[in-house]
Protein backbone atom coordinates (compact mmCIF):
# COMPACT_ATOMS: atom_id res chain seq x y z
CA UNK A 1 0.00 0.00 0.00
CA UNK A 2 -0.77 -0.21 -0.30
CA UNK A 3 -0.88 -0.08 -3.58
CA UNK A 4 -1.11 -0.56 -7.19
CA UNK A 5 -2.83 1.36 -9.94
CA UNK A 6 -2.88 1.24 -13.73
CA UNK A 7 -3.70 -1.15 -16.56
CA UNK A 8 -1.19 0.12 -19.12
CA UNK A 9 -2.18 3.63 -18.30
CA UNK A 10 -5.31 1.70 -17.64
CA UNK A 11 -5.94 -0.06 -14.30
CA UNK A 12 -4.79 -0.19 -10.79
CA UNK A 13 -4.83 -2.47 -7.88
CA UNK A 14 -4.47 -3.41 -4.32
CA UNK A 15 -9.19 -8.85 1.57
CA UNK A 16 -8.50 -9.97 4.72
CA UNK A 17 -6.85 -13.27 5.52
CA UNK A 18 -6.47 -15.76 2.71
CA UNK A 19 -9.33 -15.05 0.31
CA UNK A 20 -10.19 -17.03 -2.80
CA UNK A 21 -10.90 -15.12 -6.00
CA UNK A 22 -11.82 -17.17 -9.05
CA UNK A 23 -10.07 -20.16 -7.50
CA UNK A 24 -6.91 -18.21 -6.77
CA UNK A 25 -5.40 -17.86 -3.29
CA UNK A 26 -3.37 -14.65 -3.49
CA UNK A 27 -0.09 -16.15 -2.33
CA UNK A 28 -0.92 -15.46 1.30
CA UNK A 29 0.31 -18.92 2.22
CA UNK A 30 3.80 -17.86 1.15
CA UNK A 31 3.80 -14.75 3.28
CA UNK A 32 1.71 -16.01 6.20
CA UNK A 33 4.65 -16.37 8.65
CA UNK A 34 5.20 -12.61 8.41
CA UNK A 35 1.61 -11.48 9.02
CA UNK A 36 1.25 -10.18 12.56
CA UNK A 37 -1.85 -8.06 13.18
CA UNK A 38 -0.85 -7.77 16.85
CA UNK A 39 2.03 -5.49 15.88
CA UNK A 40 -0.45 -3.07 14.36
CA UNK A 41 -2.62 -3.06 17.47
CA UNK A 42 0.44 -2.25 19.60
CA UNK A 43 0.95 0.97 17.66
CA UNK A 44 -2.38 2.34 18.88
CA UNK A 45 -1.30 2.24 22.49
CA UNK A 46 2.27 3.45 22.00
CA UNK A 47 3.73 6.91 22.25
CA UNK A 48 2.71 9.55 24.76
CA UNK A 49 2.05 12.90 23.03
CA UNK A 50 5.00 15.31 23.23
CA UNK A 51 4.20 18.45 25.28
CA UNK A 52 3.94 21.69 23.23
CA UNK A 53 7.28 23.40 22.70
CA UNK A 54 9.30 20.22 23.24
CA UNK A 55 11.19 18.98 20.19
CA UNK A 56 10.44 15.42 19.11
CA UNK A 57 13.21 12.90 18.64
CA UNK A 58 13.61 11.01 15.38
CA UNK A 59 12.17 7.87 17.00
CA UNK A 60 9.10 9.79 18.17
CA UNK A 61 8.58 11.15 14.66
CA UNK A 62 9.03 7.68 13.20
CA UNK A 63 6.47 6.26 15.63
CA UNK A 64 4.08 9.03 14.61
CA UNK A 65 4.57 8.08 10.96
CA UNK A 66 3.82 4.42 11.70
CA UNK A 67 0.61 5.42 13.46
CA UNK A 68 -0.24 7.62 10.47
CA UNK A 69 0.23 4.70 8.08
CA UNK A 70 -2.01 2.50 10.26
CA UNK A 71 -4.72 5.17 10.15
CA UNK A 72 -4.38 5.65 6.39
CA UNK A 73 -4.64 1.96 5.59
CA UNK A 74 -7.60 1.39 7.91
CA UNK A 75 -9.46 4.36 6.40
CA UNK A 76 -8.30 3.60 2.84
CA UNK A 77 -6.50 6.94 2.82
CA UNK A 78 -9.54 8.94 3.87
CA UNK A 79 -7.84 11.26 4.47
CA UNK A 80 -4.40 11.13 2.89
CA UNK A 81 -2.18 12.68 5.60
CA UNK A 82 0.03 14.76 3.33
CA UNK A 83 2.16 16.29 6.11
CA UNK A 84 3.91 12.94 6.58
CA UNK A 85 5.16 12.89 2.96
CA UNK A 86 7.87 14.89 1.21
CA UNK A 87 6.91 17.11 -1.71
CA UNK A 88 8.93 14.89 -4.09
CA UNK A 89 7.73 11.55 -2.70
CA UNK A 90 8.03 8.76 -5.26
CA UNK A 91 5.94 5.62 -5.65
CA UNK A 92 6.67 2.47 -7.60
CA UNK A 93 4.93 -0.88 -7.86
CA UNK A 94 4.71 -3.59 -10.56
CA UNK A 95 2.33 -1.36 -12.56
CA UNK A 96 3.27 2.25 -11.79
CA UNK A 97 6.13 4.64 -11.37
CA UNK A 98 5.32 8.20 -10.31
CA UNK A 99 6.78 11.14 -8.41
CA UNK A 100 5.35 14.11 -6.51
CA UNK A 101 2.89 14.48 -3.64
CA UNK A 102 -0.07 15.42 -5.85
CA UNK A 103 0.45 12.42 -8.15
CA UNK A 104 0.76 10.23 -5.05
CA UNK A 105 -2.49 11.69 -3.72
CA UNK A 106 -4.18 11.07 -7.07
CA UNK A 107 -3.08 7.45 -7.02
CA UNK A 108 -4.53 6.67 -3.58
CA UNK A 109 -7.74 8.59 -4.38
CA UNK A 110 -8.17 6.53 -7.54
CA UNK A 111 -7.73 3.27 -5.65
CA UNK A 112 -10.19 4.26 -2.94
CA UNK A 113 -12.75 5.38 -5.52
CA UNK A 114 -12.58 9.01 -4.39
CA UNK A 115 -11.59 10.23 -7.85
CA UNK A 116 -13.72 10.24 -11.00
CA UNK A 117 -11.46 7.67 -12.68
CA UNK A 118 -11.46 5.40 -9.63
CA UNK A 119 -15.23 5.62 -9.32
CA UNK A 120 -15.60 4.57 -12.96
CA UNK A 121 -13.07 1.72 -12.81
CA UNK A 122 -13.59 0.10 -9.41
CA UNK A 123 -16.16 -0.95 -6.84
CA UNK A 124 -15.89 -2.84 -3.54
CA UNK A 125 -12.22 -1.85 -3.22
CA UNK A 126 -10.56 -2.53 0.13
CA UNK A 127 -7.14 -2.73 1.72
CA UNK A 128 -6.45 -4.75 4.87
CA UNK A 129 -3.38 -3.92 6.93
CA UNK A 130 -1.55 -6.84 8.54
CA UNK A 131 1.49 -5.08 10.03
CA UNK A 132 3.43 -1.84 10.28
CA UNK A 133 7.01 -2.67 11.23
CA UNK A 134 10.59 -1.48 11.36
CA UNK A 135 13.11 -2.96 8.95
CA UNK A 136 15.92 -4.64 10.94
CA UNK A 137 19.18 -2.72 10.56
CA UNK A 138 17.55 0.10 8.55
CA UNK A 139 16.67 3.10 10.72
CA UNK A 140 15.35 5.07 7.77
CA UNK A 141 12.91 2.46 6.51
CA UNK A 142 9.44 1.26 7.49
CA UNK A 143 7.52 -1.69 6.04
CA UNK A 144 3.81 -2.45 5.84
CA UNK A 145 2.15 -5.77 4.97
CA UNK A 146 -1.28 -5.74 3.37
CA UNK A 147 -3.91 -7.35 1.17
CA UNK A 148 -5.82 -5.33 -1.41
CA UNK A 149 -8.75 -6.20 -3.65
CA UNK A 150 -11.29 -4.64 -5.96
CA UNK A 151 -13.95 -5.42 -8.56
CA UNK A 152 -13.23 -4.05 -12.04
CA UNK A 153 -16.48 -2.46 -13.25
CA UNK A 154 -15.74 -1.85 -16.92
CA UNK A 155 -15.77 -5.51 -17.97
CA UNK A 156 -19.18 -7.22 -18.37
CA UNK A 157 -18.24 -10.17 -16.12
CA UNK A 158 -17.14 -7.82 -13.28
CA UNK A 159 -13.90 -9.66 -12.36
CA UNK A 160 -12.33 -9.42 -8.93
CA UNK A 161 -8.61 -8.88 -8.43
CA UNK A 162 -6.70 -9.65 -5.26
CA UNK A 163 -3.15 -8.75 -4.23
CA UNK A 164 -1.07 -9.34 -1.11
CA UNK A 165 2.36 -7.85 -0.55
CA UNK A 166 4.51 -5.32 1.23
CA UNK A 167 5.28 -1.62 0.92
CA UNK A 168 8.79 -0.47 1.80
CA UNK A 169 9.03 3.19 2.78
CA UNK A 170 12.26 5.20 2.83
CA UNK A 171 12.11 8.19 5.20
CA UNK A 172 14.25 11.24 5.90
CA UNK A 173 15.64 12.60 9.20
CA UNK A 174 12.23 14.17 9.94
CA UNK A 175 10.55 10.77 9.35
CA UNK A 176 8.77 12.03 6.25
CA UNK A 177 8.24 9.55 3.43
CA UNK A 178 10.70 9.99 0.57
CA UNK A 179 9.70 6.91 -1.41
CA UNK A 180 7.40 3.91 -1.37
CA UNK A 181 8.19 0.69 -3.21
CA UNK A 182 5.48 -1.97 -3.38
CA UNK A 183 6.10 -5.68 -3.95
CA UNK A 184 3.45 -8.31 -4.68
CA UNK A 185 3.70 -11.80 -3.22
CA UNK A 186 2.68 -13.39 -6.52
CA UNK A 187 5.56 -12.00 -8.58
CA UNK A 188 8.15 -10.46 -6.21
CA UNK A 189 8.33 -12.88 -3.28
CA UNK A 190 11.25 -15.28 -3.53
CA UNK A 191 12.78 -17.89 -1.23
CA UNK A 192 13.17 -17.17 2.51
CA UNK A 193 10.78 -14.24 2.35
CA UNK A 194 12.95 -11.98 0.20
CA UNK A 195 11.37 -9.60 -2.31
CA UNK A 196 13.09 -8.84 -5.61
CA UNK A 197 12.23 -6.49 -8.49
CA UNK A 198 9.80 -7.88 -11.02
CA UNK A 199 10.48 -8.59 -14.68
CA UNK A 200 9.17 -6.04 -17.19
CA UNK A 201 5.38 -6.29 -17.71
CA UNK A 202 5.06 -8.91 -14.94
CA UNK A 203 2.58 -6.72 -13.06
CA UNK A 204 0.46 -6.16 -16.13
CA UNK A 205 0.47 -9.91 -16.83
CA UNK A 206 -0.55 -10.74 -13.25
CA UNK A 207 -3.40 -8.24 -13.33
CA UNK A 208 -4.53 -9.26 -16.82
CA UNK A 209 -4.71 -12.91 -15.75
CA UNK A 210 -7.01 -11.99 -12.87
CA UNK A 211 -9.30 -9.95 -15.13
CA UNK A 212 -9.91 -12.81 -17.58
CA UNK A 213 -13.35 -14.46 -17.53
CA UNK A 214 -13.45 -17.36 -15.09
């Protein structure tokens, strides 16, 4: 997440627990050992607000960002909390590559159906957050684990698409998001839980396969 949007300038994508769509289990069995909803719940109770006039430490700002991400995923980015993102934030997933806060905002609004394009393309879209976590040995990174699904309205058979994966965020010294890189379990997840970049057009092929008539 988040996220995925575009079908060759065309479609975009992101169900809780293992969910079957047209006989397909969205690779959750591969990633299941990593899914830990309890870590998300812990974020809600953490961090005492900093008194006014007292500067926050980097760790406090990072914790605030993780709570922001939990809120955004649970609300499907309603609202998108722009103050936690740099003006030049970049986003990349197996279907998209974009840069700039307004383009980022447009992408999440399309996925949630809050834009005209998203309202035309999708219905019943959802994103379920499984974890918000630190990346071991990487102070300036945060990772989320999620499942996303939607129904594509433009095709007569109204196909459903389902994706599970991770988003890796790179942050600056103020704990603002500089970049987000999404990986899908179906095409990026390799042995021992490692994610690697996808082959060209792999994302489009994965999405196209899910949109075919069952």
